Every structure is written in structure tokens, then in C-alpha cells.
Amino acid sequence: MAKKHSKRYQQLLEKIEKGKIYSIDEAVKKVKELKSAKFDETVELALRLGVDPRHADQMVRGSVVLPHGTGKTVRVAVFAKGAKADEAKECGADIVGAEDLVEQIQNGNIDFDIAIATPDMMGLVGKIGRILGPKGLMPNPKTGTVTMDVCQAVKNAKAGQVNFRVDKKGNIHAGIGKASFSEEALKENLETFVAQINKLKPAAAKGRYIQHAALSLTMSPAVELNTQELMDIKG
């Protein structure tokens, strides 16, 4: 059964030219015009890549720090001991711990958005992998969240680092800012994110890399982006 959209959603849909492929400039301008919620909506980018994530050599995963941040206040947890724990606190981590932090999480207390760990803590963190993994919170070297440089990792997270991973169908979704951001800030964030996606194109990927792309707000319909323009973005 087809999903029935609200009257407000239908009105927003009428503002989008049916069948039109938008340039980045046009898409950013259009999504800002679609703002209708009482809260500051997130600007969301959706990409479908020409990869088969079932093959390890076609997995696209990583992180990128957006130049204008995400507009979201991020709470950061760090698994560390001794001097590294002190360093994490000094650099702005909201929660720092080891066995005590693992116990909190096992008890269902997850009060953070990003988790970082020093490599020596991963044996301990592995015990809660089943809890953190499905929530996308498991520290990983590929996203820079398993590192000895906990200070830089905390700063990146606070500055607007976005972690991404292609799903089983080749899709990547990311929040690249807020509706209140300027068009220029949203454009720069989008281009920075896409440049990183292009940089990570697997050698084994065949055919068109970015097959579909769309930009939307939390509560709005999506506008379709010109995929060739996106693939031409270089870091």
C-alpha cells in the first residue's frame, strides 16, 4: 500500500519541479525553500553507489570533518586509561572511562553520540560490540575513532566529523548541516563530504560510481542531484 503523505508534504512536493535534475547550487537553494517545521531541520544527503558491499574490496566506509560542522551538539565518549584519559578530558570529551564506562553501557546507559578508544582498550570495548555496533557507535580505525591521538579525535568529533558506511544496498545517508545554515556553508559541506566519497571509490567498483543522489530536509521531499557534477568533485 502506497504511503499517504500529509497535506503539508504535498504542498512542499508542488514546489519541486517534477523530473528535474538539480545542480548543487539549485538543490541547496531549493531545500532551504522547503523548510516548514518548527525546529531547525537537518539537511540530509542520500547517495546510491555502484558498489557491492558484500565484497570486502567494495566497502565504502570512512569519516570526514565538515568545514561548517553539522549544527548538532555532539557528546563524545572516550575509552582510555591514565595519561590518555586525562588528555581526552582536557580536549573536551564528555565521558571518559574504561571498565566503569563498559559497565554503564551494559546497564543501558548510553549518553553519547560518538565513541573513541585507544587501541589497547579495544579488547575491553569488544565486550560491548553487540550493543554499540547496531547503534553505529563502535570505534573503528577506518573512521579515526580507534587512535592514540585521542585529543585530535575528540576535536574532530566536536567540530562536525561525520562517519559514514555504505549499507547492504549501496546507500549512504548523512546529515550535512541545518536548514538555518547559509547556502554557501551547505554547499561547502556537501562538496567536502562528496569529495571524500569520491576519494574512497573502490578499485573493484565497475560502472557508474554515484548512481543516484538526493538532498532533503528532515520533514521534506527530496530534490534529485546531478550525479555527474558530484562525481567531478575532487578533494
Foldseek 3Di string as FASTA:
>chain_A
DDDDDDPLQVVLVVLADPPDADALLRQLVSQLVSDDDPDWWFKKKKFFFLFQVVDVLQKQWEKFQQPQAAADAFAEEEEDDDPLQVLLVVLPHPHYYALVVLVCVVVVNDDGDEYAYEQVRVVRLVVCCVPCVVVVHRQDVRHVRHHSPSSVVSVSVRRHMDIWIQDNRRMIMDGQYTSPDDSVSSSRSLLRVLQSSLVRGRPPRDDGTTDWMWIHTPPHDTHTHDVVSSNPRHD
